[in-house]
Protein backbone atom coordinates (compact mmCIF):
# COMPACT_ATOMS: atom_id res chain seq x y z
CA UNK A 1 -6.09 28.03 25.91
CA UNK A 2 -9.63 28.13 24.69
CA UNK A 3 -11.01 26.95 21.33
CA UNK A 4 -14.13 28.69 19.92
CA UNK A 5 -16.57 26.00 19.13
CA UNK A 6 -18.41 26.12 15.72
CA UNK A 7 -21.96 27.74 15.62
CA UNK A 8 -23.65 24.56 14.80
CA UNK A 9 -22.65 23.14 18.21
CA UNK A 10 -24.70 23.54 21.31
CA UNK A 11 -22.13 21.85 23.45
CA UNK A 12 -18.49 20.74 22.87
CA UNK A 13 -15.42 20.33 25.10
CA UNK A 14 -11.87 20.91 23.84
CA UNK A 15 -10.23 17.42 23.44
CA UNK A 16 -8.03 16.83 26.59
CA UNK A 17 -4.69 14.95 26.85
CA UNK A 18 -5.73 13.94 30.36
CA UNK A 19 -9.49 13.28 30.16
CA UNK A 20 -11.38 12.98 33.37
CA UNK A 21 -13.75 10.20 32.54
CA UNK A 22 -15.00 7.13 34.07
CA UNK A 23 -12.63 4.08 34.27
CA UNK A 24 -15.22 2.25 32.03
CA UNK A 25 -15.09 4.78 29.30
CA UNK A 26 -12.10 3.38 27.35
CA UNK A 27 -13.51 4.63 24.08
CA UNK A 28 -14.07 8.11 25.38
CA UNK A 29 -10.60 8.25 26.79
CA UNK A 30 -8.87 7.06 23.67
CA UNK A 31 -10.73 9.46 21.52
CA UNK A 32 -10.08 12.45 23.71
CA UNK A 33 -6.35 11.58 23.87
CA UNK A 34 -6.09 11.06 20.08
CA UNK A 35 -7.88 14.31 19.11
CA UNK A 36 -5.74 16.35 21.64
CA UNK A 37 -2.55 14.89 19.95
CA UNK A 38 -4.07 15.71 16.56
CA UNK A 39 -4.54 19.29 17.67
CA UNK A 40 -1.37 19.48 19.45
CA UNK A 41 1.38 17.93 17.03
CA UNK A 42 1.45 19.81 13.88
CA UNK A 43 3.34 17.14 11.86
CA UNK A 44 0.95 14.37 12.95
CA UNK A 45 -2.07 16.53 12.02
CA UNK A 46 -0.55 17.18 8.53
CA UNK A 47 0.29 13.33 7.97
CA UNK A 48 -3.23 12.22 8.86
CA UNK A 49 -5.40 14.97 7.34
CA UNK A 50 -3.28 14.76 4.10
CA UNK A 51 -4.55 11.26 3.82
CA UNK A 52 -8.04 12.75 3.66
CA UNK A 53 -6.92 15.28 0.93
CA UNK A 54 -6.57 18.23 3.53
CA UNK A 55 -2.99 19.49 3.78
CA UNK A 56 -2.34 21.45 6.89
CA UNK A 57 -0.08 24.44 6.03
CA UNK A 58 1.57 26.90 8.34
CA UNK A 59 -1.50 29.10 8.47
CA UNK A 60 -3.87 26.31 9.44
CA UNK A 61 -5.12 25.79 12.93
CA UNK A 62 -6.45 22.34 14.07
CA UNK A 63 -8.98 22.41 16.72
CA UNK A 64 -10.68 19.26 18.17
CA UNK A 65 -13.85 18.67 20.48
CA UNK A 66 -15.28 15.88 22.34
CA UNK A 67 -18.70 15.51 23.91
CA UNK A 68 -20.40 17.36 21.06
CA UNK A 69 -23.99 17.91 20.69
CA UNK A 70 -25.60 19.78 17.78
CA UNK A 71 -28.25 22.53 17.79
CA UNK A 72 -30.00 20.69 14.81
CA UNK A 73 -29.96 16.93 15.57
CA UNK A 74 -32.78 15.88 13.17
CA UNK A 75 -34.83 14.34 16.00
CA UNK A 76 -32.14 11.64 16.96
CA UNK A 77 -30.43 13.02 20.05
CA UNK A 78 -29.28 9.51 20.76
CA UNK A 79 -26.94 9.65 17.73
CA UNK A 80 -24.08 11.75 18.97
CA UNK A 81 -20.55 11.43 17.36
CA UNK A 82 -17.58 11.08 19.63
CA UNK A 83 -15.81 14.15 18.43
CA UNK A 84 -15.34 17.01 15.95
CA UNK A 85 -12.27 18.19 14.04
CA UNK A 86 -12.13 21.80 12.83
CA UNK A 87 -9.31 23.01 10.45
CA UNK A 88 -9.33 26.71 10.17
CA UNK A 89 -7.45 28.70 7.50
CA UNK A 90 -8.32 32.43 7.88
CA UNK A 91 -12.08 32.80 7.80
CA UNK A 92 -12.52 29.31 6.12
CA UNK A 93 -13.05 26.09 8.01
CA UNK A 94 -13.14 22.40 7.15
CA UNK A 95 -14.93 20.21 9.55
CA UNK A 96 -15.39 16.45 10.29
CA UNK A 97 -17.42 14.47 12.70
CA UNK A 98 -15.50 11.66 14.54
CA UNK A 99 -16.88 8.23 15.47
CA UNK A 100 -14.70 5.80 17.29
CA UNK A 101 -15.02 2.16 18.27
CA UNK A 102 -12.39 0.43 20.57
CA UNK A 103 -11.64 -3.31 21.23
CA UNK A 104 -13.95 -5.72 19.35
CA UNK A 105 -16.69 -3.17 18.74
CA UNK A 106 -17.28 -2.74 15.05
CA UNK A 107 -18.86 0.10 13.12
CA UNK A 108 -22.53 -0.02 12.37
CA UNK A 109 -23.96 0.88 9.05
CA UNK A 110 -27.13 2.38 10.35
CA UNK A 111 -25.09 4.54 12.78
CA UNK A 112 -22.68 5.70 10.06
CA UNK A 113 -25.54 6.60 7.77
CA UNK A 114 -27.18 8.55 10.63
CA UNK A 115 -23.93 10.63 11.09
CA UNK A 116 -23.69 11.30 7.37
CA UNK A 117 -27.26 12.78 7.46
CA UNK A 118 -26.29 14.84 10.67
CA UNK A 119 -23.24 16.14 8.90
CA UNK A 120 -25.23 16.92 5.85
CA UNK A 121 -27.86 18.70 7.93
CA UNK A 122 -25.27 20.91 9.78
CA UNK A 123 -23.00 21.69 6.84
CA UNK A 124 -20.17 19.40 8.22
CA UNK A 125 -17.75 18.47 5.40
CA UNK A 126 -16.88 14.91 6.38
CA UNK A 127 -17.32 11.96 8.76
CA UNK A 128 -14.23 10.17 9.95
CA UNK A 129 -14.43 6.81 11.89
CA UNK A 130 -11.85 5.12 13.71
CA UNK A 131 -11.86 1.39 14.88
CA UNK A 132 -9.75 -1.71 14.89
CA UNK A 133 -11.17 -2.47 11.36
CA UNK A 134 -8.87 -1.87 8.42
CA UNK A 135 -9.34 0.01 5.18
CA UNK A 136 -6.95 -0.17 2.31
CA UNK A 137 -7.08 3.61 1.93
CA UNK A 138 -8.90 6.22 4.12
CA UNK A 139 -11.31 6.64 1.30
CA UNK A 140 -12.16 2.88 1.15
CA UNK A 141 -14.52 2.46 4.17
CA UNK A 142 -15.14 -0.83 5.83
CA UNK A 143 -18.83 -0.09 6.07
CA UNK A 144 -20.83 -0.15 2.74
CA UNK A 145 -23.02 3.05 2.53
CA UNK A 146 -25.36 3.80 -0.25
CA UNK A 147 -24.06 6.57 -2.50
CA UNK A 148 -27.15 8.63 -2.15
CA UNK A 149 -26.61 8.94 1.71
CA UNK A 150 -23.08 10.37 1.00
CA UNK A 151 -24.03 13.42 -1.02
CA UNK A 152 -21.24 15.93 -0.72
CA UNK A 153 -20.17 14.62 2.60
CA UNK A 154 -16.88 12.71 2.54
CA UNK A 155 -16.64 9.49 4.44
CA UNK A 156 -13.24 8.23 5.66
CA UNK A 157 -11.81 5.66 7.94
CA UNK A 158 -8.62 5.20 10.11
CA UNK A 159 -7.71 2.10 11.93
CA UNK A 160 -6.11 2.59 15.45
CA UNK A 161 -3.13 0.67 14.02
CA UNK A 162 -2.81 3.16 11.14
CA UNK A 163 -2.84 5.95 13.77
CA UNK A 164 0.00 4.05 15.73
CA UNK A 165 1.92 3.47 12.57
CA UNK A 166 1.91 7.08 11.51
CA UNK A 167 2.92 8.24 15.02
CA UNK A 168 5.79 5.57 14.94
CA UNK A 169 7.00 6.80 11.44
CA UNK A 170 7.03 10.43 12.66
CA UNK A 171 9.16 9.59 15.74
CA UNK A 172 11.59 7.24 14.01
CA UNK A 173 11.78 8.33 10.26
CA UNK A 174 10.16 11.75 9.42
CA UNK A 175 10.83 13.59 12.60
CA UNK A 176 8.99 16.11 14.85
CA UNK A 177 10.59 19.50 15.04
CA UNK A 178 9.14 20.71 18.38
CA UNK A 179 10.59 18.87 21.40
CA UNK A 180 7.30 19.18 23.50
CA UNK A 181 5.28 17.87 20.75
CA UNK A 182 7.58 14.96 20.08
CA UNK A 183 7.16 14.06 23.83
CA UNK A 184 3.40 14.28 23.48
CA UNK A 185 3.31 11.87 20.32
CA UNK A 186 5.79 9.41 22.00
CA UNK A 187 3.45 9.24 25.00
CA UNK A 188 0.39 8.73 22.61
CA UNK A 189 2.34 5.84 20.87
CA UNK A 190 2.96 4.27 24.34
CA UNK A 191 -0.61 4.73 25.19
CA UNK A 192 -1.93 2.93 22.03
CA UNK A 193 0.59 0.06 22.52
CA UNK A 194 -0.61 -0.96 26.07
CA UNK A 195 -2.87 -3.90 26.12
CA UNK A 196 -5.50 -2.11 28.33
CA UNK A 197 -6.09 0.35 25.58
CA UNK A 198 -7.91 -2.01 23.27
CA UNK A 199 -5.96 -1.45 20.16
CA UNK A 200 -5.19 -4.52 18.01
CA UNK A 201 -4.17 -5.64 14.55
CA UNK A 202 -5.98 -8.13 12.41
CA UNK A 203 -5.68 -11.47 14.12
CA UNK A 204 -8.08 -14.01 12.58
CA UNK A 205 -9.88 -14.78 9.35
CA UNK A 206 -13.61 -15.18 9.69
CA UNK A 207 -15.30 -18.44 10.22
CA UNK A 208 -16.08 -18.58 6.51
CA UNK A 209 -12.35 -19.00 5.93
CA UNK A 210 -12.04 -22.49 7.30
CA UNK A 211 -15.31 -23.53 5.50
CA UNK A 212 -14.01 -22.19 2.06
CA UNK A 213 -10.66 -23.97 2.43
CA UNK A 214 -12.55 -27.27 3.07
CA UNK A 215 -14.55 -26.64 -0.20
CA UNK A 216 -11.42 -25.94 -2.16
CA UNK A 217 -9.79 -29.12 -0.80
CA UNK A 218 -12.78 -31.22 -1.80
CA UNK A 219 -12.68 -30.18 -5.44
CA UNK A 220 -16.17 -28.74 -5.36
CA UNK A 221 -17.12 -25.46 -7.04
CA UNK A 222 -18.65 -22.44 -5.28
CA UNK A 223 -21.17 -19.97 -6.49
CA UNK A 224 -19.91 -16.48 -7.30
CA UNK A 225 -22.63 -15.00 -5.14
CA UNK A 226 -21.83 -17.12 -1.97
CA UNK A 227 -21.62 -15.24 1.27
CA UNK A 228 -18.45 -17.09 2.02
CA UNK A 229 -16.64 -15.17 -0.65
CA UNK A 230 -17.91 -11.84 0.57
CA UNK A 231 -16.68 -12.52 4.11
CA UNK A 232 -13.24 -13.82 2.93
CA UNK A 233 -12.41 -11.12 0.51
CA UNK A 234 -13.36 -8.49 3.00
CA UNK A 235 -11.13 -10.06 5.51
CA UNK A 236 -8.24 -10.46 3.08
CA UNK A 237 -8.42 -6.83 2.27
CA UNK A 238 -8.11 -5.87 5.95
CA UNK A 239 -5.20 -8.29 6.50
CA UNK A 240 -3.28 -6.96 3.54
CA UNK A 241 -3.71 -3.35 5.02
CA UNK A 242 -2.52 -4.50 8.35
CA UNK A 243 0.38 -6.39 6.73
CA UNK A 244 1.44 -3.18 4.99
CA UNK A 245 1.37 -1.30 8.36
CA UNK A 246 3.50 -4.04 10.04
CA UNK A 247 6.07 -3.48 7.28
CA UNK A 248 5.93 0.12 7.54
CA UNK A 249 6.83 -0.10 11.24
CA UNK A 250 9.62 -2.70 10.62
CA UNK A 251 11.20 -0.60 7.80
CA UNK A 252 10.47 2.82 8.85
CA UNK A 253 8.86 3.82 5.51
CA UNK A 254 5.22 3.82 4.42
CA UNK A 255 4.48 0.64 2.80
CA UNK A 256 1.13 0.58 1.07
CA UNK A 257 -1.18 -2.06 -0.78
CA UNK A 258 -0.69 -1.12 -4.52
CA UNK A 259 -3.85 -0.99 -6.62
CA UNK A 260 -4.48 -0.29 -10.21
CA UNK A 261 -5.80 3.36 -10.69
CA UNK A 262 -9.29 2.05 -11.65
CA UNK A 263 -9.49 0.01 -8.45
CA UNK A 264 -8.15 2.78 -6.29
CA UNK A 265 -11.08 4.94 -7.35
CA UNK A 266 -13.59 2.18 -7.10
CA UNK A 267 -13.25 -0.18 -4.05
CA UNK A 268 -16.44 -1.98 -5.05
CA UNK A 269 -14.81 -3.14 -8.35
CA UNK A 270 -11.84 -4.28 -6.50
CA UNK A 271 -14.06 -6.34 -4.17
CA UNK A 272 -15.83 -7.78 -7.22
CA UNK A 273 -12.53 -8.70 -9.03
CA UNK A 274 -11.12 -10.40 -5.96
CA UNK A 275 -14.41 -12.34 -5.44
CA UNK A 276 -14.26 -13.60 -8.98
CA UNK A 277 -10.71 -14.71 -8.64
CA UNK A 278 -11.48 -16.61 -5.47
CA UNK A 279 -14.62 -18.26 -6.88
CA UNK A 280 -12.74 -19.29 -10.18
CA UNK A 281 -9.36 -20.31 -8.90
CA UNK A 282 -9.58 -20.39 -5.05
CA UNK A 283 -6.84 -18.01 -4.92
CA UNK A 284 -6.21 -14.52 -3.53
CA UNK A 285 -3.47 -12.01 -4.27
CA UNK A 286 -2.32 -8.65 -3.47
CA UNK A 287 0.70 -6.31 -4.17
CA UNK A 288 2.46 -4.39 -1.36
CA UNK A 289 4.60 -1.42 -2.46
CA UNK A 290 7.72 -0.58 -0.40
CA UNK A 291 9.46 2.77 -1.21
CA UNK A 292 12.87 2.24 -2.66
CA UNK A 293 12.39 -1.55 -3.15
CA UNK A 294 13.19 -2.97 -6.59
CA UNK A 295 9.69 -4.13 -7.22
CA UNK A 296 6.44 -4.55 -5.36
CA UNK A 297 5.91 -7.48 -3.09
CA UNK A 298 3.38 -9.99 -4.76
CA UNK A 299 1.38 -11.85 -2.13
CA UNK A 300 -0.53 -14.94 -3.27
CA UNK A 301 -2.43 -17.70 -1.33
CA UNK A 302 -3.63 -20.87 -2.92
CA UNK A 303 -6.61 -22.40 -1.06
CA UNK A 304 -6.36 -25.75 -3.00
CA UNK A 305 -2.57 -26.28 -2.51
CA UNK A 306 -2.71 -24.57 1.06
CA UNK A 307 0.26 -22.58 0.18
CA UNK A 308 1.60 -19.11 0.68
CA UNK A 309 3.76 -17.37 -1.98
CA UNK A 310 5.62 -14.18 -1.71
CA UNK A 311 7.57 -12.94 -4.85
CA UNK A 312 9.31 -9.97 -6.59
CA UNK A 313 9.67 -9.85 -10.32
CA UNK A 314 12.44 -7.94 -11.96
CA UNK A 315 13.37 -7.05 -15.59
CA UNK A 316 16.29 -9.16 -16.71
CA UNK A 317 19.40 -7.11 -17.43
CA UNK A 318 19.49 -6.34 -21.25
CA UNK A 319 23.33 -6.26 -21.31
CA UNK A 320 23.58 -9.90 -20.47
CA UNK A 321 22.61 -12.07 -23.52
CA UNK A 322 22.45 -15.64 -22.34
CA UNK A 323 19.99 -17.01 -19.86
CA UNK A 324 22.79 -18.20 -17.77
CA UNK A 325 24.21 -14.80 -17.48
CA UNK A 326 20.96 -13.21 -16.50
CA UNK A 327 20.31 -15.83 -13.84
CA UNK A 328 23.83 -15.33 -12.37
CA UNK A 329 23.27 -11.54 -12.28
CA UNK A 330 20.31 -12.16 -9.97
CA UNK A 331 21.89 -15.09 -7.91
CA UNK A 332 24.85 -12.79 -7.14
CA UNK A 333 22.47 -10.43 -5.32
CA UNK A 334 21.33 -13.16 -2.91
CA UNK A 335 24.40 -15.06 -1.78
CA UNK A 336 22.93 -15.82 1.62
CA UNK A 337 19.48 -17.09 0.44
CA UNK A 338 19.08 -20.82 1.04
CA UNK A 339 16.50 -23.38 1.56
CA UNK A 340 14.33 -25.45 -0.79
CA UNK A 341 11.32 -23.17 -0.65
CA UNK A 342 13.07 -20.33 -2.53
CA UNK A 343 12.53 -20.47 -6.21
CA UNK A 344 13.35 -18.58 -9.41
CA UNK A 345 10.75 -18.28 -12.08
CA UNK A 346 12.00 -17.43 -15.64
CA UNK A 347 9.50 -15.51 -17.84
CA UNK A 348 10.17 -15.98 -21.56
CA UNK A 349 9.25 -14.05 -24.68
CA UNK A 350 6.04 -15.03 -26.39
CA UNK A 351 2.98 -16.79 -24.82
CA UNK A 352 4.85 -19.80 -23.35
CA UNK A 353 4.60 -20.62 -19.71
CA UNK A 354 7.24 -19.54 -17.26
CA UNK A 355 9.72 -22.07 -15.93
CA UNK A 356 10.74 -22.57 -12.49
CA UNK A 357 13.70 -23.97 -10.52
CA UNK A 358 14.94 -23.69 -6.94
CA UNK A 359 17.65 -21.21 -6.19
CA UNK A 360 19.83 -23.96 -4.69
CA UNK A 361 19.67 -25.97 -7.94
CA UNK A 362 20.50 -22.91 -10.06
CA UNK A 363 23.54 -22.07 -7.86
CA UNK A 364 24.97 -25.61 -8.53
CA UNK A 365 24.03 -25.89 -12.17
CA UNK A 366 23.30 -22.51 -13.76
CA UNK A 367 22.94 -24.06 -17.22
CA UNK A 368 19.66 -25.49 -16.10
CA UNK A 369 18.10 -22.01 -16.81
CA UNK A 370 18.56 -22.50 -20.50
CA UNK A 371 18.03 -26.16 -20.95
CA UNK A 372 14.52 -25.84 -22.30
CA UNK A 373 14.98 -22.69 -24.33
CA UNK A 374 18.48 -22.63 -25.55
CA UNK A 375 17.69 -19.99 -28.34
CA UNK A 376 15.97 -17.59 -26.02
CA UNK A 377 16.70 -15.47 -22.89
CA UNK A 378 14.23 -14.68 -20.13
CA UNK A 379 12.92 -11.12 -20.27
CA UNK A 380 12.12 -10.99 -16.52
CA UNK A 381 13.16 -12.97 -13.28
CA UNK A 382 10.85 -13.68 -10.38
CA UNK A 383 12.27 -14.65 -6.96
CA UNK A 384 9.60 -16.64 -5.01
CA UNK A 385 9.22 -17.97 -1.39
CA UNK A 386 6.61 -20.71 -1.51
CA UNK A 387 5.51 -22.31 1.78
CA UNK A 388 3.22 -25.22 2.24
CA UNK A 389 1.60 -24.93 5.63
CA UNK A 390 -0.85 -27.80 5.59
CA UNK A 391 -3.41 -28.03 8.25
CA UNK A 392 -2.59 -24.69 9.71
CA UNK A 393 -3.68 -23.00 6.41
CA UNK A 394 -7.40 -23.57 7.28
CA UNK A 395 -7.03 -22.33 10.91
CA UNK A 396 -8.25 -18.93 11.15
CA UNK A 397 -5.52 -17.52 13.43
CA UNK A 398 -2.70 -19.68 12.55
CA UNK A 399 -3.11 -18.61 8.77
CA UNK A 400 -2.63 -15.01 9.79
CA UNK A 401 0.34 -15.96 12.11
CA UNK A 402 2.01 -17.67 9.33
CA UNK A 403 1.27 -15.24 6.65
CA UNK A 404 2.56 -12.27 8.83
CA UNK A 405 5.80 -14.17 9.43
CA UNK A 406 6.27 -15.25 5.77
CA UNK A 407 6.17 -11.84 4.17
CA UNK A 408 8.75 -10.12 6.44
CA UNK A 409 10.97 -13.16 6.17
CA UNK A 410 10.92 -12.89 2.47
CA UNK A 411 11.62 -9.05 2.52
CA UNK A 412 14.43 -9.43 4.88
CA UNK A 413 16.13 -12.29 2.89
CA UNK A 414 15.32 -11.11 -0.57
CA UNK A 415 13.46 -7.80 -0.85
CA UNK A 416 15.93 -5.58 0.86
CA UNK A 417 18.87 -7.04 -1.19
CA UNK A 418 17.47 -6.96 -4.72
CA UNK A 419 18.48 -4.04 -7.06
CA UNK A 420 16.77 -3.46 -10.34
CA UNK A 421 18.80 -3.59 -13.43
CA UNK A 422 19.73 -0.14 -14.87
CA UNK A 423 21.29 0.45 -18.33
CA UNK A 424 24.90 1.69 -18.06
CA UNK A 425 25.52 5.41 -18.83
CA UNK A 426 26.33 5.98 -22.56
CA UNK A 427 30.09 6.37 -23.46
CA UNK A 428 31.75 9.00 -25.56
CA UNK A 429 32.03 7.47 -29.00
CA UNK A 430 35.26 6.89 -30.73
CA UNK A 431 36.48 9.93 -32.72
CA UNK A 432 34.10 12.29 -30.86
CA UNK A 433 35.85 13.06 -27.70
CA UNK A 434 36.37 16.78 -28.48
CA UNK A 435 33.61 19.40 -29.24
CA UNK A 436 35.02 20.22 -32.62
CA UNK A 437 34.69 16.56 -33.54
CA UNK A 438 30.90 17.07 -33.46
CA UNK A 439 30.79 20.75 -34.87
CA UNK A 440 28.54 21.38 -37.88
CA UNK A 441 31.66 21.36 -40.11
CA UNK A 442 32.90 18.04 -38.87
CA UNK A 443 29.32 16.53 -39.21
CA UNK A 444 29.22 18.04 -42.82
CA UNK A 445 32.39 16.27 -43.75
CA UNK A 446 30.87 12.90 -42.63
CA UNK A 447 27.72 13.69 -44.76
CA UNK A 448 29.30 15.07 -48.01
CA UNK A 449 31.95 13.20 -50.12
CA UNK A 450 35.03 15.15 -51.44
CA UNK A 451 34.22 17.21 -54.57
CA UNK A 452 34.42 15.11 -57.76
CA UNK A 453 34.86 11.80 -56.07
CA UNK A 454 31.46 10.23 -55.46
CA UNK A 455 33.11 6.83 -55.03
CA UNK A 456 34.61 7.94 -51.78
CA UNK A 457 31.23 8.68 -50.06
CA UNK A 458 31.82 7.73 -46.43
CA UNK A 459 29.70 4.92 -45.16
CA UNK A 460 27.05 6.06 -42.69
CA UNK A 461 27.63 4.72 -39.14
CA UNK A 462 24.70 2.47 -38.21
CA UNK A 463 24.11 1.97 -34.53
CA UNK A 464 23.99 -1.43 -33.05
CA UNK A 465 20.66 -0.78 -31.48
CA UNK A 466 18.27 1.77 -32.84
CA UNK A 467 16.82 3.85 -29.94
CA UNK A 468 13.49 5.87 -30.59
CA UNK A 469 13.75 9.34 -29.14
CA UNK A 470 11.14 10.28 -26.42
CA UNK A 471 7.83 11.71 -27.86
CA UNK A 472 8.11 15.52 -27.56
CA UNK A 473 4.33 15.98 -27.97
CA UNK A 474 4.77 17.94 -31.19
CA UNK A 475 3.33 16.64 -34.47
CA UNK A 476 1.90 13.06 -34.93
CA UNK A 477 3.28 10.38 -32.73
CA UNK A 478 4.24 7.28 -34.77
């Protein structure tokens, strides 16, 4: 089976599942095996390329090359990417350069810029990088590149753990139709999980983390432009992505870091917002969305208190009127949750602060929920797991170990058991059980009094709760 290499290549070998390379070429071996799997397993190609906005339909053909050299290299023959992806649909083709790093090697900004220029010069549509670095989304690249360098060339990033997670989801949840392709993908998963391959998750915060925790504990302030903030926020974003991938593999669904729409399109704005939060409050936060869960997981770290907090916030049930009834509705969903580090926050109408009690106390004395605000009922209920981890908090590796244990613990104890409140289905009203009860004639009788007897005008039934119908889009909205 031979693949016709694009015209702009002077050299290119088809990616091999079993590459013949020197034992020292871990990076070349991993690249070739990955690209061969991408070209061989249809569902894997579809899943990965869709994350770049390129769907692989039944008519598409994916071809991958390694050891590529270009006819036009812009005078820099030393800058040669590790591979090339070609997606052909009829006479049209979408192409992407591939640059990989393995183990502790990280992407270099100057090198990425060189490949973007090379892609632009040869009419290649995108540059895709792969390393042990993490990006919240493929379009959020871990290396900052000037916008003018990009031009019309797309720049994307996959972590090796992302590639492993997508393979695992296909094998365990989504499915691979062809048996041979399933075997290939399973062997690729096995390859990536072997220690000798050099694939790893996010294992430690940067040195700036320990220093920043000390600053927070001393009560000092920090300048918003401090390099410490830059390093810590970048690491936090990588860890949240890795944590979402860990949950994905545990749950068999694609958990993702949830971002507001404005920050999804502008990673620099997200970076700036998180730096501001860290500088002002010595705190970091993120949301992880799990398909089918009652609410997103809110993850917060407080550098002053040296604490981790994981929570989920649900709307309180409208059909329960008292605070006690609303709290009991939630507690019944978590009969097995014990421990003094589980709390329930009650969020009240108005601008007042929320109140908080341990779940254990509320089980013994549900009336505590309405002790301070007996005339009101909370509009939302937030279950929290708060862990004080003391000295381990400032330790770069132990912080990650504790965080990656706390979030799955919370989800297993709380997240998978919570169900959002849903209003009950409407019931047929009294006196309207038959179609003729709501016919035009029947409704006319309700509206018009008997002739000559205005005193017997029927009272118009007033519903207990007035519900505004959905806006149809016709006429003024108001």
